[in-house]
Each structure stands twice: as structure tokens, then as C-alpha cells.
Amino acid sequence: SFVARNGVPVFYHDPCHLRFSAPGREMPRKLIKT
């Protein structure tokens, strides 16, 4: 389980090697949303 200590606003930067496929865009965001 993951808990952000201070409720931090996070910006995720998409690497070009991932951002042009749906899984590449979605999986990191799903992980951060946990």
C-alpha cells in the first residue's frame, strides 16, 4: 500500500518511448493513482 505523506500534487512526465501507446500512457498513471 502506498501513502503520500503530505498529499502532494504530482505531475507525471511521459517518456516518449511510452507515451504513444495506450498501455504506456495508462500504466504509470494507474500506479500513481494507487
PDB file of all heavy atoms in Angstrom:
ATOM      1  N   SER A   1       0.858  -1.185   0.000  1.00  0.00           N
ATOM      2  CA  SER A   1       0.000   0.000   0.000  1.00  0.00           C
ATOM      3  C   SER A   1       0.889   1.229   0.000  1.00  0.00           C
ATOM      4  O   SER A   1       1.971   1.232   0.600  1.00  0.00           O
ATOM      5  CB  SER A   1      -0.903   0.005   1.233  1.00  0.00           C
ATOM      6  OG  SER A   1      -0.134   0.035   2.425  1.00  0.00           O
ATOM      7  N   PHE A   2       0.431   2.252  -0.691  1.00  0.00           N
ATOM      8  CA  PHE A   2       1.199   3.480  -0.822  1.00  0.00           C
ATOM      9  C   PHE A   2       0.422   4.646  -0.226  1.00  0.00           C
ATOM     10  O   PHE A   2      -0.764   4.812  -0.482  1.00  0.00           O
ATOM     11  CB  PHE A   2       1.502   3.794  -2.294  1.00  0.00           C
ATOM     12  CG  PHE A   2       2.306   2.734  -2.998  1.00  0.00           C
ATOM     13  CD1 PHE A   2       1.742   1.970  -4.014  1.00  0.00           C
ATOM     14  CD2 PHE A   2       3.627   2.507  -2.658  1.00  0.00           C
ATOM     15  CE1 PHE A   2       2.482   1.010  -4.673  1.00  0.00           C
ATOM     16  CE2 PHE A   2       4.385   1.536  -3.314  1.00  0.00           C
ATOM     17  CZ  PHE A   2       3.808   0.790  -4.324  1.00  0.00           C
ATOM     18  N   VAL A   3       1.123   5.450   0.572  1.00  0.00           N
ATOM     19  CA  VAL A   3       0.502   6.608   1.197  1.00  0.00           C
ATOM     20  C   VAL A   3       1.430   7.809   1.035  1.00  0.00           C
ATOM     21  O   VAL A   3       2.575   7.777   1.473  1.00  0.00           O
ATOM     22  CB  VAL A   3       0.225   6.373   2.695  1.00  0.00           C
ATOM     23  CG1 VAL A   3      -0.421   7.613   3.313  1.00  0.00           C
ATOM     24  CG2 VAL A   3      -0.643   5.154   2.901  1.00  0.00           C
ATOM     25  N   ALA A   4       0.925   8.865   0.395  1.00  0.00           N
ATOM     26  CA  ALA A   4       1.704  10.093   0.273  1.00  0.00           C
ATOM     27  C   ALA A   4       1.651  10.830   1.596  1.00  0.00           C
ATOM     28  O   ALA A   4       0.571  11.065   2.142  1.00  0.00           O
ATOM     29  CB  ALA A   4       1.145  10.972  -0.841  1.00  0.00           C
ATOM     30  N   ARG A   5       2.790  11.167   2.140  1.00  0.00           N
ATOM     31  CA  ARG A   5       2.853  11.747   3.478  1.00  0.00           C
ATOM     32  C   ARG A   5       2.120  13.077   3.591  1.00  0.00           C
ATOM     33  O   ARG A   5       1.501  13.373   4.583  1.00  0.00           O
ATOM     34  CB  ARG A   5       4.325  11.956   3.880  1.00  0.00           C
ATOM     35  CG  ARG A   5       5.154  10.677   3.873  1.00  0.00           C
ATOM     36  CD  ARG A   5       4.651   9.671   4.904  1.00  0.00           C
ATOM     37  NE  ARG A   5       5.545   8.530   5.007  1.00  0.00           N
ATOM     38  CZ  ARG A   5       5.285   7.344   4.495  1.00  0.00           C
ATOM     39  NH1 ARG A   5       4.167   7.162   3.816  1.00  0.00           N
ATOM     40  NH2 ARG A   5       6.134   6.343   4.635  1.00  0.00           N
ATOM     41  N   ASN A   6       2.164  13.911   2.543  1.00  0.00           N
ATOM     42  CA  ASN A   6       1.591  15.255   2.657  1.00  0.00           C
ATOM     43  C   ASN A   6       0.560  15.570   1.575  1.00  0.00           C
ATOM     44  O   ASN A   6       0.259  16.723   1.328  1.00  0.00           O
ATOM     45  CB  ASN A   6       2.706  16.314   2.595  1.00  0.00           C
ATOM     46  CG  ASN A   6       3.705  16.151   3.712  1.00  0.00           C
ATOM     47  OD1 ASN A   6       3.329  16.062   4.875  1.00  0.00           O
ATOM     48  ND2 ASN A   6       4.989  16.102   3.372  1.00  0.00           N
ATOM     49  N   GLY A   7       0.026  14.561   0.927  1.00  0.00           N
ATOM     50  CA  GLY A   7      -0.952  14.819  -0.117  1.00  0.00           C
ATOM     51  C   GLY A   7      -0.385  15.663  -1.239  1.00  0.00           C
ATOM     52  O   GLY A   7      -0.929  16.699  -1.621  1.00  0.00           O
ATOM     53  N   VAL A   8       0.719  15.249  -1.796  1.00  0.00           N
ATOM     54  CA  VAL A   8       1.478  16.054  -2.745  1.00  0.00           C
ATOM     55  C   VAL A   8       0.838  16.054  -4.141  1.00  0.00           C
ATOM     56  O   VAL A   8       0.397  15.017  -4.624  1.00  0.00           O
ATOM     57  CB  VAL A   8       2.933  15.534  -2.823  1.00  0.00           C
ATOM     58  CG1 VAL A   8       2.983  14.103  -3.317  1.00  0.00           C
ATOM     59  CG2 VAL A   8       3.779  16.430  -3.707  1.00  0.00           C
ATOM     60  N   PRO A   9       0.758  17.234  -4.805  1.00  0.00           N
ATOM     61  CA  PRO A   9       0.319  17.273  -6.205  1.00  0.00           C
ATOM     62  C   PRO A   9       1.453  16.814  -7.121  1.00  0.00           C
ATOM     63  O   PRO A   9       2.547  17.388  -7.105  1.00  0.00           O
ATOM     64  CB  PRO A   9      -0.036  18.740  -6.440  1.00  0.00           C
ATOM     65  CG  PRO A   9       0.728  19.500  -5.421  1.00  0.00           C
ATOM     66  CD  PRO A   9       0.920  18.593  -4.245  1.00  0.00           C
ATOM     67  N   VAL A  10       1.207  15.774  -7.897  1.00  0.00           N
ATOM     68  CA  VAL A  10       2.246  15.123  -8.702  1.00  0.00           C
ATOM     69  C   VAL A  10       1.977  15.324 -10.183  1.00  0.00           C
ATOM     70  O   VAL A  10       0.853  15.128 -10.657  1.00  0.00           O
ATOM     71  CB  VAL A  10       2.304  13.614  -8.385  1.00  0.00           C
ATOM     72  CG1 VAL A  10       3.346  12.926  -9.255  1.00  0.00           C
ATOM     73  CG2 VAL A  10       2.586  13.385  -6.912  1.00  0.00           C
ATOM     74  N   PHE A  11       3.025  15.701 -10.902  1.00  0.00           N
ATOM     75  CA  PHE A  11       2.951  15.752 -12.361  1.00  0.00           C
ATOM     76  C   PHE A  11       3.778  14.600 -12.903  1.00  0.00           C
ATOM     77  O   PHE A  11       4.955  14.469 -12.572  1.00  0.00           O
ATOM     78  CB  PHE A  11       3.497  17.073 -12.906  1.00  0.00           C
ATOM     79  CG  PHE A  11       3.463  17.173 -14.411  1.00  0.00           C
ATOM     80  CD1 PHE A  11       2.336  17.630 -15.065  1.00  0.00           C
ATOM     81  CD2 PHE A  11       4.564  16.789 -15.175  1.00  0.00           C
ATOM     82  CE1 PHE A  11       2.297  17.702 -16.458  1.00  0.00           C
ATOM     83  CE2 PHE A  11       4.532  16.854 -16.564  1.00  0.00           C
ATOM     84  CZ  PHE A  11       3.394  17.323 -17.199  1.00  0.00           C
ATOM     85  N   TYR A  12       3.168  13.766 -13.739  1.00  0.00           N
ATOM     86  CA  TYR A  12       3.890  12.654 -14.346  1.00  0.00           C
ATOM     87  C   TYR A  12       4.315  13.043 -15.751  1.00  0.00           C
ATOM     88  O   TYR A  12       3.492  13.426 -16.583  1.00  0.00           O
ATOM     89  CB  TYR A  12       3.035  11.393 -14.403  1.00  0.00           C
ATOM     90  CG  TYR A  12       3.686  10.287 -15.198  1.00  0.00           C
ATOM     91  CD1 TYR A  12       4.788   9.603 -14.677  1.00  0.00           C
ATOM     92  CD2 TYR A  12       3.242   9.959 -16.476  1.00  0.00           C
ATOM     93  CE1 TYR A  12       5.423   8.612 -15.425  1.00  0.00           C
ATOM     94  CE2 TYR A  12       3.874   8.978 -17.220  1.00  0.00           C
ATOM     95  CZ  TYR A  12       4.955   8.304 -16.687  1.00  0.00           C
ATOM     96  OH  TYR A  12       5.602   7.336 -17.431  1.00  0.00           O
ATOM     97  N   HIS A  13       5.624  12.953 -16.021  1.00  0.00           N
ATOM     98  CA  HIS A  13       6.141  13.231 -17.360  1.00  0.00           C
ATOM     99  C   HIS A  13       6.221  11.946 -18.151  1.00  0.00           C
ATOM    100  O   HIS A  13       6.864  10.973 -17.733  1.00  0.00           O
ATOM    101  CB  HIS A  13       7.527  13.876 -17.294  1.00  0.00           C
ATOM    102  CG  HIS A  13       8.162  13.994 -18.651  1.00  0.00           C
ATOM    103  ND1 HIS A  13       7.748  14.915 -19.578  1.00  0.00           N
ATOM    104  CD2 HIS A  13       9.155  13.268 -19.243  1.00  0.00           C
ATOM    105  CE1 HIS A  13       8.463  14.772 -20.688  1.00  0.00           C
ATOM    106  NE2 HIS A  13       9.315  13.779 -20.511  1.00  0.00           N
ATOM    107  N   ASP A  14       5.590  11.931 -19.307  1.00  0.00           N
ATOM    108  CA  ASP A  14       5.570  10.746 -20.166  1.00  0.00           C
ATOM    109  C   ASP A  14       6.841  10.648 -20.996  1.00  0.00           C
ATOM    110  O   ASP A  14       7.115  11.522 -21.835  1.00  0.00           O
ATOM    111  CB  ASP A  14       4.387  10.815 -21.133  1.00  0.00           C
ATOM    112  CG  ASP A  14       3.058  10.689 -20.444  1.00  0.00           C
ATOM    113  OD1 ASP A  14       2.540  11.725 -19.969  1.00  0.00           O
ATOM    114  OD2 ASP A  14       2.539   9.573 -20.383  1.00  0.00           O
ATOM    115  N   PRO A  15       7.623   9.598 -20.817  1.00  0.00           N
ATOM    116  CA  PRO A  15       8.760   9.370 -21.715  1.00  0.00           C
ATOM    117  C   PRO A  15       8.237   9.082 -23.121  1.00  0.00           C
ATOM    118  O   PRO A  15       7.192   8.440 -23.285  1.00  0.00           O
ATOM    119  CB  PRO A  15       9.444   8.133 -21.126  1.00  0.00           C
ATOM    120  CG  PRO A  15       8.956   8.059 -19.711  1.00  0.00           C
ATOM    121  CD  PRO A  15       7.563   8.600 -19.744  1.00  0.00           C
ATOM    122  N   CYS A  16       8.943   9.548 -24.129  1.00  0.00           N
ATOM    123  CA  CYS A  16       8.483   9.334 -25.500  1.00  0.00           C
ATOM    124  C   CYS A  16       8.380   7.857 -25.860  1.00  0.00           C
ATOM    125  O   CYS A  16       7.578   7.480 -26.710  1.00  0.00           O
ATOM    126  CB  CYS A  16       9.400  10.066 -26.478  1.00  0.00           C
ATOM    127  SG  CYS A  16       9.223  11.869 -26.433  1.00  0.00           S
ATOM    128  N   HIS A  17       9.187   7.025 -25.218  1.00  0.00           N
ATOM    129  CA  HIS A  17       9.145   5.604 -25.533  1.00  0.00           C
ATOM    130  C   HIS A  17       7.898   4.912 -24.982  1.00  0.00           C
ATOM    131  O   HIS A  17       7.679   3.732 -25.244  1.00  0.00           O
ATOM    132  CB  HIS A  17      10.411   4.905 -25.016  1.00  0.00           C
ATOM    133  CG  HIS A  17      11.623   5.214 -25.819  1.00  0.00           C
ATOM    134  ND1 HIS A  17      12.519   6.208 -25.474  1.00  0.00           N
ATOM    135  CD2 HIS A  17      12.094   4.693 -26.983  1.00  0.00           C
ATOM    136  CE1 HIS A  17      13.484   6.268 -26.375  1.00  0.00           C
ATOM    137  NE2 HIS A  17      13.256   5.358 -27.292  1.00  0.00           N
ATOM    138  N   LEU A  18       7.084   5.644 -24.198  1.00  0.00           N
ATOM    139  CA  LEU A  18       5.851   5.072 -23.668  1.00  0.00           C
ATOM    140  C   LEU A  18       4.603   5.819 -24.118  1.00  0.00           C
ATOM    141  O   LEU A  18       3.534   5.226 -24.238  1.00  0.00           O
ATOM    142  CB  LEU A  18       5.887   5.067 -22.127  1.00  0.00           C
ATOM    143  CG  LEU A  18       6.899   4.164 -21.433  1.00  0.00           C
ATOM    144  CD1 LEU A  18       6.749   4.287 -19.925  1.00  0.00           C
ATOM    145  CD2 LEU A  18       6.730   2.711 -21.866  1.00  0.00           C
ATOM    146  N   ARG A  19       4.712   7.123 -24.364  1.00  0.00           N
ATOM    147  CA  ARG A  19       3.502   7.944 -24.474  1.00  0.00           C
ATOM    148  C   ARG A  19       2.690   7.730 -25.746  1.00  0.00           C
ATOM    149  O   ARG A  19       1.564   8.228 -25.844  1.00  0.00           O
ATOM    150  CB  ARG A  19       3.861   9.427 -24.328  1.00  0.00           C
ATOM    151  CG  ARG A  19       4.648  10.063 -25.453  1.00  0.00           C
ATOM    152  CD  ARG A  19       5.035  11.502 -25.077  1.00  0.00           C
ATOM    153  NE  ARG A  19       5.928  12.122 -26.021  1.00  0.00           N
ATOM    154  CZ  ARG A  19       5.551  13.056 -26.882  1.00  0.00           C
ATOM    155  NH1 ARG A  19       4.301  13.465 -26.901  1.00  0.00           N
ATOM    156  NH2 ARG A  19       6.425  13.595 -27.708  1.00  0.00           N
ATOM    157  N   PHE A  20       3.215   6.996 -26.717  1.00  0.00           N
ATOM    158  CA  PHE A  20       2.463   6.810 -27.951  1.00  0.00           C
ATOM    159  C   PHE A  20       1.679   5.491 -27.989  1.00  0.00           C
ATOM    160  O   PHE A  20       1.125   5.130 -29.018  1.00  0.00           O
ATOM    161  CB  PHE A  20       3.400   6.906 -29.156  1.00  0.00           C
ATOM    162  CG  PHE A  20       4.074   8.243 -29.252  1.00  0.00           C
ATOM    163  CD1 PHE A  20       5.457   8.346 -29.154  1.00  0.00           C
ATOM    164  CD2 PHE A  20       3.334   9.403 -29.389  1.00  0.00           C
ATOM    165  CE1 PHE A  20       6.077   9.583 -29.226  1.00  0.00           C
ATOM    166  CE2 PHE A  20       3.949  10.639 -29.456  1.00  0.00           C
ATOM    167  CZ  PHE A  20       5.316  10.733 -29.370  1.00  0.00           C
ATOM    168  N   SER A  21       1.633   4.787 -26.871  1.00  0.00           N
ATOM    169  CA  SER A  21       0.784   3.597 -26.778  1.00  0.00           C
ATOM    170  C   SER A  21      -0.132   3.753 -25.579  1.00  0.00           C
ATOM    171  O   SER A  21       0.236   4.373 -24.577  1.00  0.00           O
ATOM    172  CB  SER A  21       1.630   2.327 -26.612  1.00  0.00           C
ATOM    173  OG  SER A  21       2.223   2.277 -25.326  1.00  0.00           O
ATOM    174  N   ALA A  22      -1.338   3.217 -25.679  1.00  0.00           N
ATOM    175  CA  ALA A  22      -2.302   3.350 -24.586  1.00  0.00           C
ATOM    176  C   ALA A  22      -1.773   2.751 -23.283  1.00  0.00           C
ATOM    177  O   ALA A  22      -1.841   3.400 -22.228  1.00  0.00           O
ATOM    178  CB  ALA A  22      -3.636   2.716 -24.983  1.00  0.00           C
ATOM    179  N   PRO A  23      -1.233   1.523 -23.298  1.00  0.00           N
ATOM    180  CA  PRO A  23      -0.695   0.977 -22.037  1.00  0.00           C
ATOM    181  C   PRO A  23       0.454   1.823 -21.488  1.00  0.00           C
ATOM    182  O   PRO A  23       0.567   2.014 -20.280  1.00  0.00           O
ATOM    183  CB  PRO A  23      -0.207  -0.425 -22.439  1.00  0.00           C
ATOM    184  CG  PRO A  23      -0.986  -0.765 -23.661  1.00  0.00           C
ATOM    185  CD  PRO A  23      -1.174   0.527 -24.388  1.00  0.00           C
ATOM    186  N   GLY A  24       1.314   2.334 -22.375  1.00  0.00           N
ATOM    187  CA  GLY A  24       2.439   3.150 -21.936  1.00  0.00           C
ATOM    188  C   GLY A  24       1.998   4.421 -21.239  1.00  0.00           C
ATOM    189  O   GLY A  24       2.655   4.889 -20.301  1.00  0.00           O
ATOM    190  N   ARG A  25       0.898   4.996 -21.685  1.00  0.00           N
ATOM    191  CA  ARG A  25       0.357   6.192 -21.041  1.00  0.00           C
ATOM    192  C   ARG A  25      -0.400   5.871 -19.760  1.00  0.00           C
ATOM    193  O   ARG A  25      -0.336   6.616 -18.778  1.00  0.00           O
ATOM    194  CB  ARG A  25      -0.589   6.930 -21.999  1.00  0.00           C
ATOM    195  CG  ARG A  25       0.070   7.552 -23.197  1.00  0.00           C
ATOM    196  CD  ARG A  25      -0.912   8.427 -23.956  1.00  0.00           C
ATOM    197  NE  ARG A  25      -2.096   7.701 -24.420  1.00  0.00           N
ATOM    198  CZ  ARG A  25      -2.179   7.091 -25.589  1.00  0.00           C
ATOM    199  NH1 ARG A  25      -1.149   7.094 -26.407  1.00  0.00           N
ATOM    200  NH2 ARG A  25      -3.284   6.473 -25.959  1.00  0.00           N
ATOM    201  N   GLU A  26      -1.107   4.768 -19.780  1.00  0.00           N
ATOM    202  CA  GLU A  26      -2.057   4.491 -18.699  1.00  0.00           C
ATOM    203  C   GLU A  26      -1.431   3.819 -17.482  1.00  0.00           C
ATOM    204  O   GLU A  26      -1.797   4.131 -16.345  1.00  0.00           O
ATOM    205  CB  GLU A  26      -3.196   3.608 -19.238  1.00  0.00           C
ATOM    206  CG  GLU A  26      -4.050   4.303 -20.298  1.00  0.00           C
ATOM    207  CD  GLU A  26      -4.946   3.342 -21.041  1.00  0.00           C
ATOM    208  OE1 GLU A  26      -4.909   2.127 -20.707  1.00  0.00           O
ATOM    209  OE2 GLU A  26      -5.671   3.778 -21.956  1.00  0.00           O
ATOM    210  N   MET A  27      -0.497   2.889 -17.697  1.00  0.00           N
ATOM    211  CA  MET A  27       0.018   2.107 -16.573  1.00  0.00           C
ATOM    212  C   MET A  27       0.721   2.946 -15.507  1.00  0.00           C
ATOM    213  O   MET A  27       0.468   2.762 -14.309  1.00  0.00           O
ATOM    214  CB  MET A  27       0.919   0.978 -17.087  1.00  0.00           C
ATOM    215  CG  MET A  27       0.136  -0.134 -17.759  1.00  0.00           C
ATOM    216  SD  MET A  27       1.136  -1.600 -18.159  1.00  0.00           S
ATOM    217  CE  MET A  27       2.252  -0.916 -19.381  1.00  0.00           C
ATOM    218  N   PRO A  28       1.606   3.888 -15.869  1.00  0.00           N
ATOM    219  CA  PRO A  28       2.233   4.707 -14.813  1.00  0.00           C
ATOM    220  C   PRO A  28       1.193   5.516 -14.038  1.00  0.00           C
ATOM    221  O   PRO A  28       1.309   5.688 -12.821  1.00  0.00           O
ATOM    222  CB  PRO A  28       3.193   5.613 -15.584  1.00  0.00           C
ATOM    223  CG  PRO A  28       3.422   4.923 -16.876  1.00  0.00           C
ATOM    224  CD  PRO A  28       2.145   4.233 -17.192  1.00  0.00           C
ATOM    225  N   ARG A  29       0.194   6.017 -14.728  1.00  0.00           N
ATOM    226  CA  ARG A  29      -0.842   6.802 -14.066  1.00  0.00           C
ATOM    227  C   ARG A  29      -1.678   5.943 -13.123  1.00  0.00           C
ATOM    228  O   ARG A  29      -2.050   6.373 -12.030  1.00  0.00           O
ATOM    229  CB  ARG A  29      -1.727   7.487 -15.114  1.00  0.00           C
ATOM    230  CG  ARG A  29      -1.005   8.614 -15.843  1.00  0.00           C
ATOM    231  CD  ARG A  29      -1.835   9.181 -16.999  1.00  0.00           C
ATOM    232  NE  ARG A  29      -1.269  10.446 -17.457  1.00  0.00           N
ATOM    233  CZ  ARG A  29      -0.224  10.535 -18.263  1.00  0.00           C
ATOM    234  NH1 ARG A  29       0.352   9.427 -18.709  1.00  0.00           N
ATOM    235  NH2 ARG A  29       0.255  11.715 -18.617  1.00  0.00           N
ATOM    236  N   LYS A  30      -1.974   4.730 -13.555  1.00  0.00           N
ATOM    237  CA  LYS A  30      -2.706   3.813 -12.673  1.00  0.00           C
ATOM    238  C   LYS A  30      -1.910   3.534 -11.410  1.00  0.00           C
ATOM    239  O   LYS A  30      -2.470   3.446 -10.316  1.00  0.00           O
ATOM    240  CB  LYS A  30      -3.006   2.505 -13.407  1.00  0.00           C
ATOM    241  CG  LYS A  30      -4.071   2.616 -14.479  1.00  0.00           C
ATOM    242  CD  LYS A  30      -4.307   1.264 -15.150  1.00  0.00           C
ATOM    243  CE  LYS A  30      -5.385   1.359 -16.219  1.00  0.00           C
ATOM    244  NZ  LYS A  30      -5.602   0.056 -16.908  1.00  0.00           N
ATOM    245  N   LEU A  31      -0.608   3.405 -11.569  1.00  0.00           N
ATOM    246  CA  LEU A  31       0.254   3.126 -10.424  1.00  0.00           C
ATOM    247  C   LEU A  31       0.268   4.311  -9.467  1.00  0.00           C
ATOM    248  O   LEU A  31       0.172   4.151  -8.242  1.00  0.00           O
ATOM    249  CB  LEU A  31       1.662   2.803 -10.914  1.00  0.00           C
ATOM    250  CG  LEU A  31       2.630   2.105  -9.952  1.00  0.00           C
ATOM    251  CD1 LEU A  31       2.012   0.854  -9.356  1.00  0.00           C
ATOM    252  CD2 LEU A  31       3.924   1.771 -10.682  1.00  0.00           C
ATOM    253  N   ILE A  32       0.377   5.517 -10.000  1.00  0.00           N
ATOM    254  CA  ILE A  32       0.380   6.713  -9.154  1.00  0.00           C
ATOM    255  C   ILE A  32      -0.966   6.884  -8.449  1.00  0.00           C
ATOM    256  O   ILE A  32      -1.030   7.315  -7.291  1.00  0.00           O
ATOM    257  CB  ILE A  32       0.720   7.957  -9.995  1.00  0.00           C
ATOM    258  CG1 ILE A  32       2.149   7.864 -10.527  1.00  0.00           C
ATOM    259  CG2 ILE A  32       0.571   9.243  -9.165  1.00  0.00           C
ATOM    260  CD1 ILE A  32       2.514   8.940 -11.524  1.00  0.00           C
ATOM    261  N   LYS A  33      -2.040   6.529  -9.130  1.00  0.00           N
ATOM    262  CA  LYS A  33      -3.377   6.669  -8.539  1.00  0.00           C
ATOM    263  C   LYS A  33      -3.591   5.726  -7.364  1.00  0.00           C
ATOM    264  O   LYS A  33      -4.545   5.907  -6.588  1.00  0.00           O
ATOM    265  CB  LYS A  33      -4.443   6.438  -9.606  1.00  0.00           C
ATOM    266  CG  LYS A  33      -4.555   7.567 -10.617  1.00  0.00           C
ATOM    267  CD  LYS A  33      -5.583   7.235 -11.685  1.00  0.00           C
ATOM    268  CE  LYS A  33      -5.672   8.340 -12.735  1.00  0.00           C
ATOM    269  NZ  LYS A  33      -6.641   8.014 -13.805  1.00  0.00           N
ATOM    270  N   THR A  34      -2.745   4.721  -7.213  1.00  0.00           N
ATOM    271  CA  THR A  34      -2.871   3.824  -6.059  1.00  0.00           C
ATOM    272  C   THR A  34      -2.273   4.434  -4.796  1.00  0.00           C
ATOM    273  O   THR A  34      -2.409   3.862  -3.713  1.00  0.00           O
ATOM    274  CB  THR A  34      -2.168   2.474  -6.325  1.00  0.00           C
ATOM    275  OG1 THR A  34      -0.758   2.685  -6.458  1.00  0.00           O
ATOM    276  CG2 THR A  34      -2.705   1.813  -7.584  1.00  0.00           C
TER     277      THR A  34
END
